[in-house]
Amino acid sequence: MIAPSEAIALQKRLRRRVSHRWEGRPVRLIGAADVHFPSPGRSRAALVTLTFPELDTVERVAVDSPTVFPYIPGLLSFREIPPILEAWKRLERPPDLLLCDGHGIAHPRGLGFASHLGLVLDIPTIGCAKSHLYGSFDEPGMERGARAPVRGAGGGTIGTVLRTRAGVRPVFVSIGHRIDLRTAVRLVLACSPRFRIPVPLRLAHRAAGGS
């Protein structure tokens, strides 16, 4: 197992490889990834794929495996990526883009779960988190689609606070890998026609054993 100090050093190196550029390829199959920990030492990773923009389920994979890294805030990708890779091996058809239940570059070292996983798999990824991790922001308006920037320590934009449903708490969208923030926000909103959490992530959450 990699030591926490080594994991932090790796994050600092890998963040330079994250691409903020969207290649513009059509998204016909969109996926989502989530991981739960049903008992000490056990992980349950889930991947789902859906047609886009229809959001009809195509495939669902869930895999149980040993947990290989402890819970350490800021280093969750080292805990969650190994079981996701086991599930990824079982997908019959990989998605064109992957939504991740976590942050991308909106992370203290610029490499959250979505960015790390995008680099490992070399596919476009989007971080869509339920709660704030890093950076400063103003609360967006209460209407669906309202948004506000998340600013990093240097003042630059590292994410978007997005209201996916009127009158409910927003989600936190950030670049994972091989995508730009405007496209990431557009796709998250398109995947959230009725609920706060995008449909692919809701299905991945259930498949992984979430309530």
C-alpha atoms as a PDB file:
ATOM      1  CA  MET A   1       0.000   0.000   0.000  1.00  0.00           C
ATOM      2  CA  ILE A   2       1.249   3.478  -0.857  1.00  0.00           C
ATOM      3  CA  ALA A   3       2.028   5.696   2.144  1.00  0.00           C
ATOM      4  CA  PRO A   4      -0.065   8.869   2.614  1.00  0.00           C
ATOM      5  CA  SER A   5       2.994  11.096   2.072  1.00  0.00           C
ATOM      6  CA  GLU A   6       3.696   9.311  -1.216  1.00  0.00           C
ATOM      7  CA  ALA A   7       0.050   9.653  -2.236  1.00  0.00           C
ATOM      8  CA  ILE A   8       0.179  13.424  -1.655  1.00  0.00           C
ATOM      9  CA  ALA A   9       3.373  13.723  -3.692  1.00  0.00           C
ATOM     10  CA  LEU A  10       1.759  11.709  -6.507  1.00  0.00           C
ATOM     11  CA  GLN A  11      -1.281  13.996  -6.535  1.00  0.00           C
ATOM     12  CA  LYS A  12       0.975  17.018  -6.951  1.00  0.00           C
ATOM     13  CA  ARG A  13       2.709  15.392  -9.916  1.00  0.00           C
ATOM     14  CA  LEU A  14      -0.420  14.079 -11.617  1.00  0.00           C
ATOM     15  CA  ARG A  15      -2.385  17.331 -11.426  1.00  0.00           C
ATOM     16  CA  ARG A  16      -0.133  18.762 -14.147  1.00  0.00           C
ATOM     17  CA  ARG A  17      -1.422  16.097 -16.546  1.00  0.00           C
ATOM     18  CA  VAL A  18      -5.103  16.928 -16.151  1.00  0.00           C
ATOM     19  CA  SER A  19      -6.590  18.261 -19.404  1.00  0.00           C
ATOM     20  CA  HIS A  20      -9.176  21.070 -19.239  1.00  0.00           C
ATOM     21  CA  ARG A  21      -9.904  20.733 -22.954  1.00  0.00           C
ATOM     22  CA  TRP A  22     -13.075  19.207 -24.377  1.00  0.00           C
ATOM     23  CA  GLU A  23     -12.466  17.443 -27.674  1.00  0.00           C
ATOM     24  CA  GLY A  24     -16.105  17.835 -28.697  1.00  0.00           C
ATOM     25  CA  ARG A  25     -16.788  14.200 -29.458  1.00  0.00           C
ATOM     26  CA  PRO A  26     -20.469  13.177 -29.360  1.00  0.00           C
ATOM     27  CA  VAL A  27     -21.602  11.680 -26.043  1.00  0.00           C
ATOM     28  CA  ARG A  28     -23.914   8.787 -26.858  1.00  0.00           C
ATOM     29  CA  LEU A  29     -23.167   6.642 -23.812  1.00  0.00           C
ATOM     30  CA  ILE A  30     -22.686   8.310 -20.442  1.00  0.00           C
ATOM     31  CA  GLY A  31     -21.507   6.492 -17.335  1.00  0.00           C
ATOM     32  CA  ALA A  32     -21.318   7.052 -13.591  1.00  0.00           C
ATOM     33  CA  ALA A  33     -19.142   5.649 -10.820  1.00  0.00           C
ATOM     34  CA  ASP A  34     -19.719   5.335  -7.086  1.00  0.00           C
ATOM     35  CA  VAL A  35     -18.177   3.364  -4.215  1.00  0.00           C
ATOM     36  CA  HIS A  36     -19.600   2.338  -0.859  1.00  0.00           C
ATOM     37  CA  PHE A  37     -18.002   0.550   2.074  1.00  0.00           C
ATOM     38  CA  PRO A  38     -20.584  -1.875   3.460  1.00  0.00           C
ATOM     39  CA  SER A  39     -18.359  -3.279   6.198  1.00  0.00           C
ATOM     40  CA  PRO A  40     -14.828  -2.780   7.563  1.00  0.00           C
ATOM     41  CA  GLY A  41     -12.293  -3.855   4.987  1.00  0.00           C
ATOM     42  CA  ARG A  42     -14.823  -4.287   2.155  1.00  0.00           C
ATOM     43  CA  SER A  43     -15.619  -2.047  -0.806  1.00  0.00           C
ATOM     44  CA  ARG A  44     -18.507  -2.184  -3.253  1.00  0.00           C
ATOM     45  CA  ALA A  45     -17.914  -0.323  -6.515  1.00  0.00           C
ATOM     46  CA  ALA A  46     -20.598   0.315  -9.102  1.00  0.00           C
ATOM     47  CA  LEU A  47     -20.566   1.535 -12.691  1.00  0.00           C
ATOM     48  CA  VAL A  48     -23.655   2.239 -14.765  1.00  0.00           C
ATOM     49  CA  THR A  49     -23.989   3.331 -18.372  1.00  0.00           C
ATOM     50  CA  LEU A  50     -26.961   5.070 -19.966  1.00  0.00           C
ATOM     51  CA  THR A  51     -27.855   6.381 -23.383  1.00  0.00           C
ATOM     52  CA  PHE A  52     -27.523  10.121 -23.772  1.00  0.00           C
ATOM     53  CA  PRO A  53     -29.588  12.258 -23.899  1.00  0.00           C
ATOM     54  CA  GLU A  54     -32.397   9.731 -23.321  1.00  0.00           C
ATOM     55  CA  LEU A  55     -30.896   8.424 -20.050  1.00  0.00           C
ATOM     56  CA  ASP A  56     -32.042   4.850 -20.608  1.00  0.00           C
ATOM     57  CA  THR A  57     -30.008   2.268 -18.665  1.00  0.00           C
ATOM     58  CA  VAL A  58     -27.703   0.136 -20.809  1.00  0.00           C
ATOM     59  CA  GLU A  59     -25.479  -1.659 -18.305  1.00  0.00           C
ATOM     60  CA  ARG A  60     -24.961  -1.950 -14.555  1.00  0.00           C
ATOM     61  CA  VAL A  61     -21.913  -3.549 -12.896  1.00  0.00           C
ATOM     62  CA  ALA A  62     -21.189  -3.881  -9.172  1.00  0.00           C
ATOM     63  CA  VAL A  63     -18.130  -5.559  -7.671  1.00  0.00           C
ATOM     64  CA  ASP A  64     -17.170  -6.354  -4.064  1.00  0.00           C
ATOM     65  CA  SER A  65     -13.480  -6.306  -3.184  1.00  0.00           C
ATOM     66  CA  PRO A  66     -11.106  -5.699  -0.253  1.00  0.00           C
ATOM     67  CA  THR A  67     -10.486  -2.093   0.768  1.00  0.00           C
ATOM     68  CA  VAL A  68      -6.836  -1.329   0.101  1.00  0.00           C
ATOM     69  CA  PHE A  69      -6.415   2.201   1.518  1.00  0.00           C
ATOM     70  CA  PRO A  70      -7.649   3.826   4.742  1.00  0.00           C
ATOM     71  CA  TYR A  71     -10.079   6.726   4.929  1.00  0.00           C
ATOM     72  CA  ILE A  72      -7.980   9.906   4.762  1.00  0.00           C
ATOM     73  CA  PRO A  73      -9.658  13.191   3.727  1.00  0.00           C
ATOM     74  CA  GLY A  74      -8.141  14.509   0.518  1.00  0.00           C
ATOM     75  CA  LEU A  75      -6.871  11.059  -0.497  1.00  0.00           C
ATOM     76  CA  LEU A  76     -10.172   9.325  -1.220  1.00  0.00           C
ATOM     77  CA  SER A  77      -9.198   8.469  -4.798  1.00  0.00           C
ATOM     78  CA  PHE A  78      -6.575   6.026  -3.503  1.00  0.00           C
ATOM     79  CA  ARG A  79      -9.331   4.243  -1.579  1.00  0.00           C
ATOM     80  CA  GLU A  80     -11.986   4.316  -4.299  1.00  0.00           C
ATOM     81  CA  ILE A  81     -10.168   3.865  -7.607  1.00  0.00           C
ATOM     82  CA  PRO A  82      -8.952   0.250  -7.063  1.00  0.00           C
ATOM     83  CA  PRO A  83     -12.489  -1.184  -6.684  1.00  0.00           C
ATOM     84  CA  ILE A  84     -13.746   0.985  -9.563  1.00  0.00           C
ATOM     85  CA  LEU A  85     -11.062  -0.517 -11.807  1.00  0.00           C
ATOM     86  CA  GLU A  86     -12.285  -3.997 -10.923  1.00  0.00           C
ATOM     87  CA  ALA A  87     -15.798  -3.008 -11.984  1.00  0.00           C
ATOM     88  CA  TRP A  88     -14.475  -1.297 -15.121  1.00  0.00           C
ATOM     89  CA  LYS A  89     -12.963  -4.592 -16.318  1.00  0.00           C
ATOM     90  CA  ARG A  90     -16.452  -6.113 -16.410  1.00  0.00           C
ATOM     91  CA  LEU A  91     -18.103  -3.443 -18.535  1.00  0.00           C
ATOM     92  CA  GLU A  92     -18.977  -4.749 -21.976  1.00  0.00           C
ATOM     93  CA  ARG A  93     -18.865  -1.273 -23.509  1.00  0.00           C
ATOM     94  CA  PRO A  94     -17.072   1.666 -21.863  1.00  0.00           C
ATOM     95  CA  PRO A  95     -18.881   5.017 -21.797  1.00  0.00           C
ATOM     96  CA  ASP A  96     -17.873   8.100 -23.771  1.00  0.00           C
ATOM     97  CA  LEU A  97     -17.788  10.111 -20.539  1.00  0.00           C
ATOM     98  CA  LEU A  98     -17.951   9.304 -16.836  1.00  0.00           C
ATOM     99  CA  LEU A  99     -19.679  11.209 -14.022  1.00  0.00           C
ATOM    100  CA  CYS A 100     -18.006  10.704 -10.655  1.00  0.00           C
ATOM    101  CA  ASP A 101     -19.474  11.050  -7.180  1.00  0.00           C
ATOM    102  CA  GLY A 102     -16.732  13.360  -5.965  1.00  0.00           C
ATOM    103  CA  HIS A 103     -14.593  16.330  -6.900  1.00  0.00           C
ATOM    104  CA  GLY A 104     -12.223  16.877  -9.797  1.00  0.00           C
ATOM    105  CA  ILE A 105      -9.812  19.820  -9.735  1.00  0.00           C
ATOM    106  CA  ALA A 106     -11.834  21.490  -6.929  1.00  0.00           C
ATOM    107  CA  HIS A 107      -9.499  19.831  -4.466  1.00  0.00           C
ATOM    108  CA  PRO A 108      -6.734  21.156  -2.164  1.00  0.00           C
ATOM    109  CA  ARG A 109      -4.072  19.684  -4.468  1.00  0.00           C
ATOM    110  CA  GLY A 110      -6.047  19.929  -7.709  1.00  0.00           C
ATOM    111  CA  LEU A 111      -6.541  16.176  -8.093  1.00  0.00           C
ATOM    112  CA  GLY A 112      -9.731  14.786  -6.632  1.00  0.00           C
ATOM    113  CA  PHE A 113     -11.337  11.438  -7.394  1.00  0.00           C
ATOM    114  CA  ALA A 114     -12.792  12.490 -10.767  1.00  0.00           C
ATOM    115  CA  SER A 115      -9.495  13.866 -12.070  1.00  0.00           C
ATOM    116  CA  HIS A 116      -7.439  10.935 -10.796  1.00  0.00           C
ATOM    117  CA  LEU A 117      -9.837   8.376 -12.270  1.00  0.00           C
ATOM    118  CA  GLY A 118      -9.959  10.231 -15.598  1.00  0.00           C
ATOM    119  CA  LEU A 119      -6.175  10.092 -15.829  1.00  0.00           C
ATOM    120  CA  VAL A 120      -6.061   6.384 -14.959  1.00  0.00           C
ATOM    121  CA  LEU A 121      -8.749   5.454 -17.505  1.00  0.00           C
ATOM    122  CA  ASP A 122      -7.835   8.181 -20.019  1.00  0.00           C
ATOM    123  CA  ILE A 123     -11.437   9.212 -20.598  1.00  0.00           C
ATOM    124  CA  PRO A 124     -13.391  12.447 -20.051  1.00  0.00           C
ATOM    125  CA  THR A 125     -14.634  12.687 -16.465  1.00  0.00           C
ATOM    126  CA  ILE A 126     -16.736  15.153 -14.480  1.00  0.00           C
ATOM    127  CA  GLY A 127     -16.713  15.638 -10.728  1.00  0.00           C
ATOM    128  CA  CYS A 128     -20.223  16.075  -9.326  1.00  0.00           C
ATOM    129  CA  ALA A 129     -20.157  16.204  -5.534  1.00  0.00           C
ATOM    130  CA  LYS A 130     -22.998  16.549  -3.066  1.00  0.00           C
ATOM    131  CA  SER A 131     -21.025  18.766  -0.695  1.00  0.00           C
ATOM    132  CA  HIS A 132     -18.321  21.402  -0.682  1.00  0.00           C
ATOM    133  CA  LEU A 133     -14.698  20.375  -0.218  1.00  0.00           C
ATOM    134  CA  TYR A 134     -12.425  23.251  -1.186  1.00  0.00           C
ATOM    135  CA  GLY A 135     -12.585  26.836  -2.412  1.00  0.00           C
ATOM    136  CA  SER A 136     -14.895  29.780  -1.816  1.00  0.00           C
ATOM    137  CA  PHE A 137     -18.242  30.542  -3.443  1.00  0.00           C
ATOM    138  CA  ASP A 138     -21.422  32.570  -3.199  1.00  0.00           C
ATOM    139  CA  GLU A 139     -24.762  30.809  -3.015  1.00  0.00           C
ATOM    140  CA  PRO A 140     -26.419  30.704  -6.468  1.00  0.00           C
ATOM    141  CA  GLY A 141     -30.022  31.700  -7.137  1.00  0.00           C
ATOM    142  CA  MET A 142     -32.790  29.312  -6.160  1.00  0.00           C
ATOM    143  CA  GLU A 143     -34.033  28.540  -9.686  1.00  0.00           C
ATOM    144  CA  ARG A 144     -33.003  25.429 -11.633  1.00  0.00           C
ATOM    145  CA  GLY A 145     -29.828  26.125 -13.591  1.00  0.00           C
ATOM    146  CA  ALA A 146     -28.616  28.917 -11.306  1.00  0.00           C
ATOM    147  CA  ARG A 147     -24.872  28.744 -10.805  1.00  0.00           C
ATOM    148  CA  ALA A 148     -21.908  30.489  -9.201  1.00  0.00           C
ATOM    149  CA  PRO A 149     -18.139  29.969  -9.531  1.00  0.00           C
ATOM    150  CA  VAL A 150     -16.029  28.168  -6.965  1.00  0.00           C
ATOM    151  CA  ARG A 151     -12.744  30.042  -6.527  1.00  0.00           C
ATOM    152  CA  GLY A 152      -9.445  28.519  -5.515  1.00  0.00           C
ATOM    153  CA  ALA A 153      -6.813  30.016  -3.233  1.00  0.00           C
ATOM    154  CA  GLY A 154      -5.401  32.126  -6.074  1.00  0.00           C
ATOM    155  CA  GLY A 155      -8.804  33.432  -7.103  1.00  0.00           C
ATOM    156  CA  GLY A 156      -9.166  31.340 -10.250  1.00  0.00           C
ATOM    157  CA  THR A 157     -12.300  29.349 -11.028  1.00  0.00           C
ATOM    158  CA  ILE A 158     -11.965  25.692 -10.056  1.00  0.00           C
ATOM    159  CA  GLY A 159     -15.613  24.625 -10.220  1.00  0.00           C
ATOM    160  CA  THR A 160     -19.275  25.626 -10.302  1.00  0.00           C
ATOM    161  CA  VAL A 161     -21.987  25.523  -7.668  1.00  0.00           C
ATOM    162  CA  LEU A 162     -25.017  24.385  -9.681  1.00  0.00           C
ATOM    163  CA  ARG A 163     -28.697  24.323  -8.731  1.00  0.00           C
ATOM    164  CA  THR A 164     -30.041  21.267 -10.537  1.00  0.00           C
ATOM    165  CA  ARG A 165     -33.506  21.546  -9.006  1.00  0.00           C
ATOM    166  CA  ALA A 166     -35.335  24.683  -7.901  1.00  0.00           C
ATOM    167  CA  GLY A 167     -35.315  25.307  -4.173  1.00  0.00           C
ATOM    168  CA  VAL A 168     -32.988  22.435  -3.196  1.00  0.00           C
ATOM    169  CA  ARG A 169     -29.314  22.327  -2.233  1.00  0.00           C
ATOM    170  CA  PRO A 170     -26.889  22.701  -5.153  1.00  0.00           C
ATOM    171  CA  VAL A 171     -24.227  20.273  -6.339  1.00  0.00           C
ATOM    172  CA  PHE A 172     -20.548  21.045  -6.889  1.00  0.00           C
ATOM    173  CA  VAL A 173     -19.327  20.476 -10.441  1.00  0.00           C
ATOM    174  CA  SER A 174     -15.681  20.507 -11.454  1.00  0.00           C
ATOM    175  CA  ILE A 175     -13.464  19.399 -14.297  1.00  0.00           C
ATOM    176  CA  GLY A 176     -12.306  15.841 -13.947  1.00  0.00           C
ATOM    177  CA  HIS A 177     -10.193  15.244 -17.056  1.00  0.00           C
ATOM    178  CA  ARG A 178     -10.449  15.968 -20.800  1.00  0.00           C
ATOM    179  CA  ILE A 179     -13.380  18.376 -20.444  1.00  0.00           C
ATOM    180  CA  ASP A 180     -14.019  22.066 -19.874  1.00  0.00           C
ATOM    181  CA  LEU A 181     -16.146  23.447 -17.071  1.00  0.00           C
ATOM    182  CA  ARG A 182     -18.902  24.877 -19.287  1.00  0.00           C
ATOM    183  CA  THR A 183     -19.448  21.497 -20.955  1.00  0.00           C
ATOM    184  CA  ALA A 184     -19.318  19.727 -17.581  1.00  0.00           C
ATOM    185  CA  VAL A 185     -22.059  21.963 -16.176  1.00  0.00           C
ATOM    186  CA  ARG A 186     -24.188  21.529 -19.307  1.00  0.00           C
ATOM    187  CA  LEU A 187     -23.974  17.743 -19.131  1.00  0.00           C
ATOM    188  CA  VAL A 188     -24.700  17.561 -15.392  1.00  0.00           C
ATOM    189  CA  LEU A 189     -27.800  19.706 -15.874  1.00  0.00           C
ATOM    190  CA  ALA A 190     -28.933  17.594 -18.839  1.00  0.00           C
ATOM    191  CA  CYS A 191     -28.603  14.479 -16.664  1.00  0.00           C
ATOM    192  CA  SER A 192     -30.737  16.020 -13.895  1.00  0.00           C
ATOM    193  CA  PRO A 193     -34.211  16.477 -15.422  1.00  0.00           C
ATOM    194  CA  ARG A 194     -36.136  15.858 -12.194  1.00  0.00           C
ATOM    195  CA  PHE A 195     -33.885  15.311  -9.196  1.00  0.00           C
ATOM    196  CA  ARG A 196     -30.997  17.086  -7.493  1.00  0.00           C
ATOM    197  CA  ILE A 197     -28.497  14.299  -8.264  1.00  0.00           C
ATOM    198  CA  PRO A 198     -27.929  13.394 -11.947  1.00  0.00           C
ATOM    199  CA  VAL A 199     -29.723  10.209 -13.006  1.00  0.00           C
ATOM    200  CA  PRO A 200     -26.519   8.242 -13.777  1.00  0.00           C
ATOM    201  CA  LEU A 201     -25.097   8.996 -10.330  1.00  0.00           C
ATOM    202  CA  ARG A 202     -28.400   8.115  -8.625  1.00  0.00           C
ATOM    203  CA  LEU A 203     -28.328   4.712 -10.316  1.00  0.00           C
ATOM    204  CA  ALA A 204     -24.645   4.130  -9.516  1.00  0.00           C
ATOM    205  CA  HIS A 205     -25.314   5.071  -5.886  1.00  0.00           C
ATOM    206  CA  ARG A 206     -28.085   2.468  -5.644  1.00  0.00           C
ATOM    207  CA  ALA A 207     -26.015  -0.189  -7.420  1.00  0.00           C
ATOM    208  CA  ALA A 208     -23.185   0.365  -4.942  1.00  0.00           C
ATOM    209  CA  GLY A 209     -25.544  -0.181  -2.028  1.00  0.00           C
ATOM    210  CA  GLY A 210     -26.327   3.399  -1.105  1.00  0.00           C
ATOM    211  CA  SER A 211     -29.683   4.250   0.412  1.00  0.00           C
END
